[in-house]
C-alpha atoms as a PDB file:
ATOM      1  CA  MET A   1      32.321 -79.333 -12.591  1.00  0.00           C
ATOM      2  CA  LEU A   2      30.410 -78.205  -9.405  1.00  0.00           C
ATOM      3  CA  ALA A   3      33.702 -76.669  -7.969  1.00  0.00           C
ATOM      4  CA  LEU A   4      34.236 -75.045 -11.435  1.00  0.00           C
ATOM      5  CA  ALA A   5      30.744 -73.622 -11.418  1.00  0.00           C
ATOM      6  CA  LEU A   6      31.036 -72.059  -7.894  1.00  0.00           C
ATOM      7  CA  THR A   7      34.335 -70.586  -8.713  1.00  0.00           C
ATOM      8  CA  SER A   8      33.078 -68.946 -11.928  1.00  0.00           C
ATOM      9  CA  GLY A   9      29.912 -67.526 -10.054  1.00  0.00           C
ATOM     10  CA  LEU A  10      32.358 -65.983  -7.245  1.00  0.00           C
ATOM     11  CA  LEU A  11      34.604 -64.624  -9.706  1.00  0.00           C
ATOM     12  CA  ALA A  12      31.727 -62.953 -11.810  1.00  0.00           C
ATOM     13  CA  GLY A  13      30.291 -61.619  -8.360  1.00  0.00           C
ATOM     14  CA  TYR A  14      33.552 -60.127  -7.590  1.00  0.00           C
ATOM     15  CA  LEU A  15      34.072 -58.310 -10.755  1.00  0.00           C
ATOM     16  CA  ALA A  16      30.478 -56.864 -10.822  1.00  0.00           C
ATOM     17  CA  LEU A  17      31.015 -55.616  -7.225  1.00  0.00           C
ATOM     18  CA  SER A  18      34.237 -54.220  -8.179  1.00  0.00           C
ATOM     19  CA  PHE A  19      32.732 -52.344 -11.192  1.00  0.00           C
ATOM     20  CA  LEU A  20      29.793 -50.906  -9.134  1.00  0.00           C
ATOM     21  CA  ARG A  21      32.259 -49.362  -6.610  1.00  0.00           C
ATOM     22  CA  ARG A  22      34.388 -47.696  -9.146  1.00  0.00           C
ATOM     23  CA  GLN A  23      31.251 -46.200 -10.602  1.00  0.00           C
ATOM     24  CA  ALA A  24      30.088 -44.773  -7.197  1.00  0.00           C
ATOM     25  CA  ALA A  25      33.515 -43.325  -6.739  1.00  0.00           C
ATOM     26  CA  ARG A  26      33.761 -41.550  -9.897  1.00  0.00           C
ATOM     27  CA  PRO A  27      32.272 -37.853  -9.679  1.00  0.00           C
ATOM     28  CA  THR A  28      29.323 -37.219 -11.626  1.00  0.00           C
ATOM     29  CA  ALA A  29      28.967 -34.085 -13.990  1.00  0.00           C
ATOM     30  CA  ALA A  30      26.775 -32.482 -11.539  1.00  0.00           C
ATOM     31  CA  ALA A  31      29.128 -32.800  -8.699  1.00  0.00           C
ATOM     32  CA  GLU A  32      31.731 -30.929 -10.780  1.00  0.00           C
ATOM     33  CA  ALA A  33      32.598 -27.434 -10.114  1.00  0.00           C
ATOM     34  CA  PRO A  34      29.866 -25.028 -10.878  1.00  0.00           C
ATOM     35  CA  SER A  35      30.274 -22.716 -13.702  1.00  0.00           C
ATOM     36  CA  GLY A  36      29.124 -19.648 -11.721  1.00  0.00           C
ATOM     37  CA  LYS A  37      27.222 -17.763  -9.068  1.00  0.00           C
ATOM     38  CA  VAL A  38      23.668 -16.567  -9.308  1.00  0.00           C
ATOM     39  CA  VAL A  39      21.589 -14.377  -7.147  1.00  0.00           C
ATOM     40  CA  VAL A  40      18.249 -15.748  -5.954  1.00  0.00           C
ATOM     41  CA  ALA A  41      15.488 -14.650  -3.661  1.00  0.00           C
ATOM     42  CA  ALA A  42      15.846 -15.446   0.166  1.00  0.00           C
ATOM     43  CA  LYS A  43      12.162 -15.657   0.438  1.00  0.00           C
ATOM     44  CA  ASP A  44       8.790 -15.104  -1.188  1.00  0.00           C
ATOM     45  CA  MET A  45       8.268 -11.433  -1.891  1.00  0.00           C
ATOM     46  CA  PRO A  46       5.666  -9.415  -3.740  1.00  0.00           C
ATOM     47  CA  LEU A  47       5.754  -6.985  -6.621  1.00  0.00           C
ATOM     48  CA  GLY A  48       6.754  -3.645  -5.617  1.00  0.00           C
ATOM     49  CA  THR A  49       9.232  -4.903  -3.076  1.00  0.00           C
ATOM     50  CA  ILE A  50      12.554  -2.845  -2.801  1.00  0.00           C
ATOM     51  CA  LEU A  51      15.400  -5.422  -2.373  1.00  0.00           C
ATOM     52  CA  ARG A  52      17.339  -5.414   0.730  1.00  0.00           C
ATOM     53  CA  GLU A  53      20.691  -7.245   1.606  1.00  0.00           C
ATOM     54  CA  ASP A  54      18.693  -9.924   3.719  1.00  0.00           C
ATOM     55  CA  ASP A  55      16.322 -10.567   0.909  1.00  0.00           C
ATOM     56  CA  VAL A  56      18.693 -12.225  -1.390  1.00  0.00           C
ATOM     57  CA  ARG A  57      21.607 -14.943  -1.391  1.00  0.00           C
ATOM     58  CA  LEU A  58      24.252 -16.083  -3.629  1.00  0.00           C
ATOM     59  CA  ILE A  59      24.254 -19.952  -4.762  1.00  0.00           C
ATOM     60  CA  ASP A  60      26.404 -21.941  -6.857  1.00  0.00           C
ATOM     61  CA  TRP A  61      24.852 -22.589 -10.228  1.00  0.00           C
ATOM     62  CA  PRO A  62      25.673 -25.991 -11.682  1.00  0.00           C
ATOM     63  CA  GLY A  63      26.247 -26.721 -15.119  1.00  0.00           C
ATOM     64  CA  GLU A  64      27.025 -24.613 -17.983  1.00  0.00           C
ATOM     65  CA  VAL A  65      23.786 -23.141 -18.975  1.00  0.00           C
ATOM     66  CA  VAL A  66      22.664 -20.070 -16.592  1.00  0.00           C
ATOM     67  CA  PRO A  67      19.647 -18.098 -16.842  1.00  0.00           C
ATOM     68  CA  THR A  68      19.451 -15.418 -19.473  1.00  0.00           C
ATOM     69  CA  GLY A  69      20.013 -11.897 -17.447  1.00  0.00           C
ATOM     70  CA  TYR A  70      21.089 -13.410 -14.125  1.00  0.00           C
ATOM     71  CA  ALA A  71      22.857 -11.275 -11.503  1.00  0.00           C
ATOM     72  CA  ALA A  72      26.208 -12.725 -10.416  1.00  0.00           C
ATOM     73  CA  SER A  73      26.616 -10.206  -7.308  1.00  0.00           C
ATOM     74  CA  PRO A  74      24.114  -9.001  -4.690  1.00  0.00           C
ATOM     75  CA  SER A  75      25.273  -5.535  -5.520  1.00  0.00           C
ATOM     76  CA  GLU A  76      23.534  -5.890  -8.901  1.00  0.00           C
ATOM     77  CA  VAL A  77      20.099  -6.218  -7.534  1.00  0.00           C
ATOM     78  CA  ILE A  78      20.087  -4.547  -3.946  1.00  0.00           C
ATOM     79  CA  GLY A  79      17.942  -1.181  -3.931  1.00  0.00           C
ATOM     80  CA  ARG A  80      16.088  -2.349  -7.052  1.00  0.00           C
ATOM     81  CA  GLY A  81      12.334  -2.707  -6.962  1.00  0.00           C
ATOM     82  CA  LEU A  82      10.422  -6.234  -8.190  1.00  0.00           C
ATOM     83  CA  ILE A  83       7.960  -5.300 -11.035  1.00  0.00           C
ATOM     84  CA  THR A  84       6.635  -9.064 -10.449  1.00  0.00           C
ATOM     85  CA  ALA A  85       6.090 -11.314  -7.495  1.00  0.00           C
ATOM     86  CA  VAL A  86       9.124 -13.830  -6.945  1.00  0.00           C
ATOM     87  CA  ALA A  87       9.330 -16.991  -4.880  1.00  0.00           C
ATOM     88  CA  VAL A  88      12.018 -18.378  -2.565  1.00  0.00           C
ATOM     89  CA  ASN A  89      15.090 -19.667  -4.529  1.00  0.00           C
ATOM     90  CA  GLU A  90      13.765 -18.112  -7.704  1.00  0.00           C
ATOM     91  CA  PRO A  91      16.651 -16.422  -9.842  1.00  0.00           C
ATOM     92  CA  LEU A  92      16.541 -12.557  -9.785  1.00  0.00           C
ATOM     93  CA  LEU A  93      16.530 -11.876 -13.293  1.00  0.00           C
ATOM     94  CA  GLN A  94      16.844  -8.391 -14.918  1.00  0.00           C
ATOM     95  CA  ALA A  95      13.385  -8.651 -16.407  1.00  0.00           C
ATOM     96  CA  LYS A  96      11.762  -8.785 -13.167  1.00  0.00           C
ATOM     97  CA  LEU A  97      13.671  -5.633 -11.618  1.00  0.00           C
ATOM     98  CA  ALA A  98      13.251  -2.105 -12.017  1.00  0.00           C
ATOM     99  CA  SER A  99      16.030   0.283 -12.342  1.00  0.00           C
ATOM    100  CA  LYS A 100      17.428   2.057  -8.761  1.00  0.00           C
ATOM    101  CA  GLU A 101      16.294   5.534 -10.021  1.00  0.00           C
ATOM    102  CA  GLU A 102      12.708   4.082 -10.262  1.00  0.00           C
ATOM    103  CA  GLY A 103      12.301   3.162  -6.694  1.00  0.00           C
ATOM    104  CA  GLY A 104       9.356   0.673  -5.647  1.00  0.00           C
ATOM    105  CA  GLY A 105       5.719   0.531  -5.239  1.00  0.00           C
ATOM    106  CA  LEU A 106       3.011   0.939  -7.867  1.00  0.00           C
ATOM    107  CA  PRO A 107       4.714   3.220 -10.312  1.00  0.00           C
ATOM    108  CA  ILE A 108       7.339   0.686 -11.513  1.00  0.00           C
ATOM    109  CA  VAL A 109       4.429  -1.804 -12.225  1.00  0.00           C
ATOM    110  CA  ILE A 110       3.030   0.504 -14.718  1.00  0.00           C
ATOM    111  CA  PRO A 111       4.566  -0.154 -18.229  1.00  0.00           C
ATOM    112  CA  GLU A 112       5.665   2.547 -20.532  1.00  0.00           C
ATOM    113  CA  GLY A 113       2.983   4.409 -22.489  1.00  0.00           C
ATOM    114  CA  MET A 114       0.222   3.256 -19.883  1.00  0.00           C
ATOM    115  CA  ARG A 115      -1.460   5.100 -16.860  1.00  0.00           C
ATOM    116  CA  GLY A 116      -2.811   4.173 -13.655  1.00  0.00           C
ATOM    117  CA  VAL A 117      -6.497   6.021 -12.993  1.00  0.00           C
ATOM    118  CA  SER A 118      -8.279   5.644  -9.673  1.00  0.00           C
ATOM    119  CA  VAL A 119     -12.054   5.357  -9.385  1.00  0.00           C
ATOM    120  CA  LYS A 120     -14.310   5.546  -6.591  1.00  0.00           C
ATOM    121  CA  VAL A 121     -16.146   2.263  -5.805  1.00  0.00           C
ATOM    122  CA  ASP A 122     -18.527   0.582  -3.251  1.00  0.00           C
ATOM    123  CA  GLU A 123     -19.476  -3.168  -2.737  1.00  0.00           C
ATOM    124  CA  VAL A 124     -21.771  -3.182  -5.785  1.00  0.00           C
ATOM    125  CA  ILE A 125     -19.294  -1.415  -8.266  1.00  0.00           C
ATOM    126  CA  GLY A 126     -16.430  -3.387  -6.817  1.00  0.00           C
ATOM    127  CA  VAL A 127     -18.287  -6.728  -7.327  1.00  0.00           C
ATOM    128  CA  ALA A 128     -18.686  -7.380  -3.744  1.00  0.00           C
ATOM    129  CA  GLY A 129     -14.699  -6.954  -3.163  1.00  0.00           C
ATOM    130  CA  PHE A 130     -13.821  -9.481  -5.818  1.00  0.00           C
ATOM    131  CA  VAL A 131     -12.093  -6.784  -7.901  1.00  0.00           C
ATOM    132  CA  LEU A 132      -8.472  -7.537  -6.886  1.00  0.00           C
ATOM    133  CA  PRO A 133      -4.989  -6.652  -8.210  1.00  0.00           C
ATOM    134  CA  GLY A 134      -4.263  -8.445 -11.122  1.00  0.00           C
ATOM    135  CA  THR A 135      -7.916  -9.200 -12.121  1.00  0.00           C
ATOM    136  CA  GLY A 136      -9.670  -8.058 -15.334  1.00  0.00           C
ATOM    137  CA  VAL A 137     -12.705  -6.114 -15.590  1.00  0.00           C
ATOM    138  CA  ASP A 138     -15.065  -4.321 -18.273  1.00  0.00           C
ATOM    139  CA  VAL A 139     -16.268  -0.835 -17.320  1.00  0.00           C
ATOM    140  CA  LEU A 140     -19.806   0.237 -17.919  1.00  0.00           C
ATOM    141  CA  VAL A 141     -21.205   3.801 -17.731  1.00  0.00           C
ATOM    142  CA  THR A 142     -24.774   4.801 -17.228  1.00  0.00           C
ATOM    143  CA  ILE A 143     -25.282   8.362 -18.420  1.00  0.00           C
ATOM    144  CA  THR A 144     -28.053  10.896 -20.091  1.00  0.00           C
ATOM    145  CA  PRO A 145     -26.602  11.803 -23.313  1.00  0.00           C
ATOM    146  CA  PRO A 146     -27.524  15.322 -24.689  1.00  0.00           C
ATOM    147  CA  GLU A 147     -30.153  14.850 -27.208  1.00  0.00           C
ATOM    148  CA  ALA A 148     -31.698  16.796 -30.149  1.00  0.00           C
ATOM    149  CA  GLU A 149     -33.657  19.904 -29.097  1.00  0.00           C
ATOM    150  CA  GLY A 150     -37.196  18.897 -28.353  1.00  0.00           C
ATOM    151  CA  ALA A 151     -36.441  15.224 -27.727  1.00  0.00           C
ATOM    152  CA  MET A 152     -36.818  13.318 -24.361  1.00  0.00           C
ATOM    153  CA  LYS A 153     -33.623  12.852 -22.570  1.00  0.00           C
ATOM    154  CA  THR A 154     -33.289   9.143 -21.695  1.00  0.00           C
ATOM    155  CA  PRO A 155     -30.286   7.340 -19.794  1.00  0.00           C
ATOM    156  CA  ILE A 156     -28.225   4.778 -21.800  1.00  0.00           C
ATOM    157  CA  THR A 157     -25.961   2.074 -20.405  1.00  0.00           C
ATOM    158  CA  LYS A 158     -22.887   1.528 -22.611  1.00  0.00           C
ATOM    159  CA  LEU A 159     -19.863  -0.763 -22.232  1.00  0.00           C
ATOM    160  CA  ILE A 160     -16.810   1.763 -22.915  1.00  0.00           C
ATOM    161  CA  LEU A 161     -13.721  -0.452 -21.833  1.00  0.00           C
ATOM    162  CA  GLN A 162     -13.003  -3.968 -21.957  1.00  0.00           C
ATOM    163  CA  ASN A 163     -10.321  -6.376 -20.225  1.00  0.00           C
ATOM    164  CA  VAL A 164      -8.774  -3.554 -18.161  1.00  0.00           C
ATOM    165  CA  ARG A 165      -6.199  -4.822 -15.562  1.00  0.00           C
ATOM    166  CA  VAL A 166      -6.605  -3.875 -11.996  1.00  0.00           C
ATOM    167  CA  LEU A 167      -3.365  -2.353 -10.665  1.00  0.00           C
ATOM    168  CA  ALA A 168      -4.312  -1.912  -7.015  1.00  0.00           C
ATOM    169  CA  ALA A 169      -7.505  -2.251  -4.666  1.00  0.00           C
ATOM    170  CA  GLY A 170      -6.947   0.611  -2.160  1.00  0.00           C
ATOM    171  CA  GLN A 171      -3.470   0.684  -1.170  1.00  0.00           C
ATOM    172  CA  THR A 172      -2.884  -3.143  -1.882  1.00  0.00           C
ATOM    173  CA  ILE A 173      -0.929  -3.907  -5.173  1.00  0.00           C
ATOM    174  CA  GLN A 174      -0.662  -7.758  -4.210  1.00  0.00           C
ATOM    175  CA  ARG A 175      -3.710 -10.108  -4.576  1.00  0.00           C
ATOM    176  CA  ASP A 176      -4.406 -12.262  -1.466  1.00  0.00           C
ATOM    177  CA  ALA A 177      -3.232 -15.629  -1.867  1.00  0.00           C
ATOM    178  CA  GLU A 178      -6.419 -17.256  -1.325  1.00  0.00           C
ATOM    179  CA  GLY A 179      -8.596 -14.855  -3.303  1.00  0.00           C
ATOM    180  CA  LYS A 180     -10.319 -13.177  -0.265  1.00  0.00           C
ATOM    181  CA  PRO A 181     -12.258 -10.323  -1.150  1.00  0.00           C
ATOM    182  CA  GLN A 182     -11.389  -7.060  -0.162  1.00  0.00           C
ATOM    183  CA  THR A 183     -13.798  -3.875   0.563  1.00  0.00           C
ATOM    184  CA  VAL A 184     -12.018  -0.834  -0.679  1.00  0.00           C
ATOM    185  CA  ALA A 185     -13.294   2.499  -1.756  1.00  0.00           C
ATOM    186  CA  VAL A 186     -10.971   3.245  -4.676  1.00  0.00           C
ATOM    187  CA  ILE A 187      -9.874   0.867  -7.380  1.00  0.00           C
ATOM    188  CA  THR A 188      -6.761   1.849  -9.650  1.00  0.00           C
ATOM    189  CA  LEU A 189      -6.890   0.595 -13.339  1.00  0.00           C
ATOM    190  CA  MET A 190      -4.342   0.435 -15.983  1.00  0.00           C
ATOM    191  CA  VAL A 191      -5.398   2.277 -19.145  1.00  0.00           C
ATOM    192  CA  ASN A 192      -3.850   3.871 -21.989  1.00  0.00           C
ATOM    193  CA  PRO A 193      -4.084   7.984 -22.188  1.00  0.00           C
ATOM    194  CA  GLU A 194      -7.365   7.760 -24.344  1.00  0.00           C
ATOM    195  CA  ASP A 195      -9.051   5.340 -22.215  1.00  0.00           C
ATOM    196  CA  ALA A 196      -8.011   7.420 -19.224  1.00  0.00           C
ATOM    197  CA  GLU A 197      -9.937  10.387 -20.543  1.00  0.00           C
ATOM    198  CA  LYS A 198     -13.205   7.968 -21.316  1.00  0.00           C
ATOM    199  CA  LEU A 199     -12.770   6.628 -17.843  1.00  0.00           C
ATOM    200  CA  THR A 200     -12.406  10.114 -15.993  1.00  0.00           C
ATOM    201  CA  LEU A 201     -15.237  11.539 -18.092  1.00  0.00           C
ATOM    202  CA  ALA A 202     -17.429   8.704 -17.344  1.00  0.00           C
ATOM    203  CA  ALA A 203     -16.922   8.917 -13.714  1.00  0.00           C
ATOM    204  CA  SER A 204     -17.525  12.580 -13.492  1.00  0.00           C
ATOM    205  CA  GLU A 205     -20.469  12.816 -15.875  1.00  0.00           C
ATOM    206  CA  GLY A 206     -22.382   9.439 -15.261  1.00  0.00           C
ATOM    207  CA  LYS A 207     -22.237   6.383 -12.932  1.00  0.00           C
ATOM    208  CA  ILE A 208     -19.839   3.494 -13.597  1.00  0.00           C
ATOM    209  CA  GLN A 209     -20.029  -0.094 -12.904  1.00  0.00           C
ATOM    210  CA  LEU A 210     -17.450  -2.726 -13.084  1.00  0.00           C
ATOM    211  CA  ALA A 211     -17.932  -6.165 -14.600  1.00  0.00           C
ATOM    212  CA  LEU A 212     -15.460  -8.902 -13.216  1.00  0.00           C
ATOM    213  CA  ARG A 213     -14.261 -11.216 -16.386  1.00  0.00           C
ATOM    214  CA  ASN A 214     -12.254 -14.553 -16.650  1.00  0.00           C
ATOM    215  CA  THR A 215      -8.601 -13.721 -16.827  1.00  0.00           C
ATOM    216  CA  LEU A 216      -8.163 -16.144 -19.642  1.00  0.00           C
ATOM    217  CA  ASP A 217     -11.070 -14.492 -21.682  1.00  0.00           C
ATOM    218  CA  LEU A 218      -9.548 -12.001 -23.868  1.00  0.00           C
ATOM    219  CA  GLU A 219     -12.525 -11.748 -26.406  1.00  0.00           C
ATOM    220  CA  GLU A 220     -13.727  -8.061 -27.112  1.00  0.00           C
ATOM    221  CA  VAL A 221     -17.371  -7.731 -28.006  1.00  0.00           C
ATOM    222  CA  GLN A 222     -19.483  -4.939 -29.551  1.00  0.00           C
ATOM    223  CA  THR A 223     -22.421  -3.513 -28.051  1.00  0.00           C
ATOM    224  CA  ARG A 224     -24.894  -1.054 -29.092  1.00  0.00           C
ATOM    225  CA  GLY A 225     -25.772   0.037 -25.509  1.00  0.00           C
ATOM    226  CA  ILE A 226     -29.390  -0.321 -23.876  1.00  0.00           C
ATOM    227  CA  ARG A 227     -32.120   2.387 -23.117  1.00  0.00           C
ATOM    228  CA  THR A 228     -35.121   1.871 -20.855  1.00  0.00           C
ATOM    229  CA  ALA A 229     -37.389   1.831 -23.653  1.00  0.00           C
ATOM    230  CA  ALA A 230     -35.304  -0.928 -25.566  1.00  0.00           C
ATOM    231  CA  MET A 231     -35.014  -3.054 -22.413  1.00  0.00           C
ATOM    232  CA  ILE A 232     -38.847  -2.971 -21.169  1.00  0.00           C
ATOM    233  CA  GLY A 233     -40.503  -2.547 -24.567  1.00  0.00           C
ATOM    234  CA  SER A 234     -43.148  -0.018 -25.262  1.00  0.00           C
ATOM    235  CA  THR A 235     -46.211   0.387 -22.912  1.00  0.00           C
ATOM    236  CA  ALA A 236     -47.859   3.390 -24.376  1.00  0.00           C
ATOM    237  CA  ALA A 237     -51.693   3.098 -24.805  1.00  0.00           C
ATOM    238  CA  PRO A 238     -53.087   3.294 -28.192  1.00  0.00           C
ATOM    239  CA  VAL A 239     -53.311   6.809 -29.724  1.00  0.00           C
ATOM    240  CA  ARG A 240     -56.668   8.381 -29.652  1.00  0.00           C
ATOM    241  CA  GLN A 241     -57.081  11.588 -31.064  1.00  0.00           C
ATOM    242  CA  THR A 242     -60.192  13.872 -31.712  1.00  0.00           C
ATOM    243  CA  VAL A 243     -59.975  16.892 -34.155  1.00  0.00           C
ATOM    244  CA  ARG A 244     -62.851  19.388 -34.612  1.00  0.00           C
ATOM    245  CA  VAL A 245     -63.016  20.753 -38.131  1.00  0.00           C
ATOM    246  CA  ARG A 246     -65.456  22.337 -40.329  1.00  0.00           C
ATOM    247  CA  THR A 247     -66.338  20.929 -43.822  1.00  0.00           C
ATOM    248  CA  PRO A 248     -67.796  22.219 -46.918  1.00  0.00           C
ATOM    249  CA  GLN A 249     -71.403  21.343 -47.686  1.00  0.00           C
ATOM    250  CA  PRO A 250     -71.629  18.161 -49.662  1.00  0.00           C
ATOM    251  CA  ARG A 251     -73.254  18.240 -53.243  1.00  0.00           C
ATOM    252  CA  ARG A 252     -76.123  16.046 -54.408  1.00  0.00           C
ATOM    253  CA  GLY A 253     -76.804  16.138 -57.946  1.00  0.00           C
ATOM    254  CA  GLY A 254     -74.899  19.422 -58.568  1.00  0.00           C
ATOM    255  CA  SER A 255     -76.498  21.323 -55.927  1.00  0.00           C
ATOM    256  CA  PRO A 256     -75.351  21.755 -52.168  1.00  0.00           C
ATOM    257  CA  VAL A 257     -77.175  20.239 -49.413  1.00  0.00           C
ATOM    258  CA  GLN A 258     -78.089  22.895 -46.898  1.00  0.00           C
ATOM    259  CA  GLN A 259     -76.223  22.222 -43.528  1.00  0.00           C
ATOM    260  CA  PRO A 260     -77.379  23.931 -40.284  1.00  0.00           C
ATOM    261  CA  SER A 261     -75.968  27.049 -39.791  1.00  0.00           C
ATOM    262  CA  GLY A 262     -72.820  26.536 -37.279  1.00  0.00           C
ATOM    263  CA  GLY A 263     -72.826  22.894 -37.788  1.00  0.00           C
ATOM    264  CA  ALA A 264     -69.447  21.012 -37.517  1.00  0.00           C
ATOM    265  CA  VAL A 265     -67.980  17.590 -38.112  1.00  0.00           C
ATOM    266  CA  VAL A 266     -66.082  15.706 -35.456  1.00  0.00           C
ATOM    267  CA  GLU A 267     -63.379  13.239 -36.784  1.00  0.00           C
ATOM    268  CA  THR A 268     -62.661  10.504 -34.156  1.00  0.00           C
ATOM    269  CA  ILE A 269     -59.584   8.321 -34.598  1.00  0.00           C
ATOM    270  CA  ARG A 270     -59.315   5.279 -32.312  1.00  0.00           C
ATOM    271  CA  GLY A 271     -57.142   2.038 -32.606  1.00  0.00           C
ATOM    272  CA  GLY A 272     -56.602   3.470 -36.277  1.00  0.00           C
ATOM    273  CA  GLN A 273     -60.247   3.477 -37.136  1.00  0.00           C
ATOM    274  CA  ARG A 274     -61.376   6.794 -38.389  1.00  0.00           C
ATOM    275  CA  THR A 275     -65.100   7.985 -37.944  1.00  0.00           C
ATOM    276  CA  LEU A 276     -66.987  11.137 -38.872  1.00  0.00           C
ATOM    277  CA  GLN A 277     -69.811  12.786 -36.915  1.00  0.00           C
ATOM    278  CA  THR A 278     -72.019  15.613 -37.673  1.00  0.00           C
ATOM    279  CA  PHE A 279     -73.311  18.062 -34.940  1.00  0.00           C
ATOM    280  CA  SER A 280     -75.787  20.673 -35.293  1.00  0.00           C
ATOM    281  CA  PRO A 281     -75.970  23.999 -33.336  1.00  0.00           C
ATOM    282  CA  GLY A 282     -77.710  23.214 -29.934  1.00  0.00           C
ATOM    283  CA  SER A 283     -77.189  19.621 -30.024  1.00  0.00           C
ATOM    284  CA  GLU A 284     -75.561  17.673 -27.100  1.00  0.00           C
END
């Protein structure tokens, strides 16, 4: 019985080992001939880059499913600009490329129907250099609007544009990977034609200020604007008014009471309280 058990164990082990060897020798589906060739990026590249021959490479794409809009030959992508940043070995899809006629740089990044408008900034307006390409900002303007004739002109600060995308900071259209601030003199914003008019008028007639916002915050708010008086409240002193008038002689029992010739009554309003005081000629 011991010999029989030993023989059965050796036979079972041999059969299991043979099965595992056959499974290892059998080619897997992934190792079969690839279904096609796909062009991928040979290195990390920022948006606006015009692709050259050494920027791309052709690889075998395993399996039956290939990315939609893929390029099967380097000639399909060479000379075209990137409208989004790509990473090494990332497939160069048609949705990430501009046409050869459009070239590269900032213009190909602007979608159809939108405009790029540049405004002057400093460290304060540019939020200490943290207004970078790809960030979202709100635009405020402080301006003295025309008032009705005779009214006092006071400045007002109003939020005119919200969640505007920054296209470029200076001549840089790619954000620093570490998010480091950039001190620049010009910021380019992406706006529609109507907002381009607002932004241009605000920059020429008033003083603009950019407000940095969270890129995930897409909510728009409605504001009425703020004036100086509304911000700090009224500080005017109580109104004090003195009016010198002449009054008719009062009557008692149907007959007038004689007032001194040239007498006058002074009406004084102080803090909402009204008093009358009579003065005779020659009185101090």
